[in-house]
Amino acid sequence: MLPKDGETKQIYELEAAGIYQVFNDKGGLVLDSIGEFIDMTGFDKGVYFIKFEGETFRFEKTLDKPNPKKSEFPKKLIYDPAKD
């Protein structure tokens, strides 16, 4: 799930791996999945509700979807874990 050079990911981390659902501000189901991380990169800006282990959490996505034609970040690798 690591981003490619010049790519930005918008990830929401849950407390642990499990079944979760993501709903938009109108109550529509956007995502139903299993895991510990929710990749919200492709979601529109707005308010979302994450249902996880019987609780509901509010999340506000304030960043736009990435524009693949316009990179806002450098395209070179800043951190290379292989060099540690």
Protein backbone atom coordinates (compact mmCIF):
# COMPACT_ATOMS: atom_id res chain seq x y z
CA MET A 1 0.00 0.00 0.00
CA LEU A 2 3.01 2.29 -0.17
CA PRO A 3 2.66 5.12 -2.70
CA LYS A 4 4.69 5.21 -5.89
CA ASP A 5 7.12 8.09 -6.46
CA GLY A 6 5.16 11.34 -6.71
CA GLU A 7 1.94 9.69 -5.51
CA THR A 8 0.06 10.70 -2.36
CA LYS A 9 -2.12 8.29 -0.39
CA GLN A 10 -4.78 9.34 2.12
CA ILE A 11 -5.04 6.53 4.65
CA TYR A 12 -7.22 6.20 7.76
CA GLU A 13 -5.84 3.72 10.31
CA LEU A 14 -8.20 1.74 12.52
CA GLU A 15 -7.31 0.52 16.03
CA ALA A 16 -6.98 -3.07 14.75
CA ALA A 17 -7.82 -5.18 11.72
CA GLY A 18 -11.51 -6.01 11.37
CA ILE A 19 -14.68 -5.60 9.35
CA TYR A 20 -15.64 -1.99 8.67
CA GLN A 21 -18.08 0.05 6.62
CA VAL A 22 -17.69 3.62 5.36
CA PHE A 23 -20.78 5.78 4.81
CA ASN A 24 -21.06 9.22 3.21
CA ASP A 25 -22.82 12.18 4.86
CA LYS A 26 -26.14 11.10 3.33
CA GLY A 27 -25.90 7.61 4.89
CA GLY A 28 -24.99 5.83 1.66
CA LEU A 29 -22.60 2.88 1.92
CA VAL A 30 -19.34 3.80 0.17
CA LEU A 31 -17.12 0.89 1.21
CA ASP A 32 -17.58 -2.45 3.00
CA SER A 33 -14.31 -4.24 3.68
CA ILE A 34 -11.93 -5.98 6.08
CA GLY A 35 -8.57 -4.60 7.22
CA GLU A 36 -6.76 -2.15 9.46
CA PHE A 37 -6.23 0.64 6.92
CA ILE A 38 -8.80 2.47 4.80
CA ASP A 39 -7.44 4.02 1.60
CA MET A 40 -9.56 7.15 1.16
CA THR A 41 -7.43 8.53 -1.68
CA GLY A 42 -10.19 8.19 -4.29
CA PHE A 43 -12.97 9.57 -2.08
CA ASP A 44 -14.40 13.05 -2.66
CA LYS A 45 -13.90 15.77 -0.04
CA GLY A 46 -16.52 15.65 2.69
CA VAL A 47 -17.71 14.00 5.87
CA TYR A 48 -17.68 10.21 6.20
CA PHE A 49 -18.72 7.85 8.96
CA ILE A 50 -16.71 4.72 9.67
CA LYS A 51 -18.53 1.90 11.44
CA PHE A 52 -16.09 -0.43 13.19
CA GLU A 53 -16.68 -2.93 16.01
CA GLY A 54 -20.11 -1.53 16.88
CA GLU A 55 -18.93 2.08 17.07
CA THR A 56 -19.24 4.89 14.53
CA PHE A 57 -16.47 7.42 13.97
CA ARG A 58 -16.77 10.69 12.06
CA PHE A 59 -14.03 11.51 9.56
CA GLU A 60 -13.72 14.67 7.47
CA LYS A 61 -11.70 14.35 4.29
CA THR A 62 -10.35 17.79 3.42
CA LEU A 63 -7.99 16.93 0.56
CA ASP A 64 -9.13 16.61 -3.04
CA LYS A 65 -8.67 13.43 -5.01
CA PRO A 66 -5.15 13.41 -6.43
CA ASN A 67 -4.84 14.67 -9.97
CA PRO A 68 -2.58 12.22 -11.83
CA LYS A 69 -1.67 14.91 -14.37
CA LYS A 70 -0.54 17.44 -11.74
CA SER A 71 1.90 16.30 -9.09
CA GLU A 72 2.18 18.51 -6.01
CA PHE A 73 5.06 16.50 -4.58
CA PRO A 74 8.56 15.77 -5.81
CA LYS A 75 8.89 12.69 -7.97
CA LYS A 76 12.11 11.49 -6.36
CA LEU A 77 12.16 9.08 -3.44
CA ILE A 78 12.90 10.99 -0.23
CA TYR A 79 13.11 7.98 2.09
CA ASP A 80 14.37 4.58 1.00
CA PRO A 81 13.80 1.90 3.69
CA ALA A 82 16.26 -0.40 1.87
CA LYS A 83 19.10 1.95 2.87
CA ASP A 84 18.47 1.56 6.64
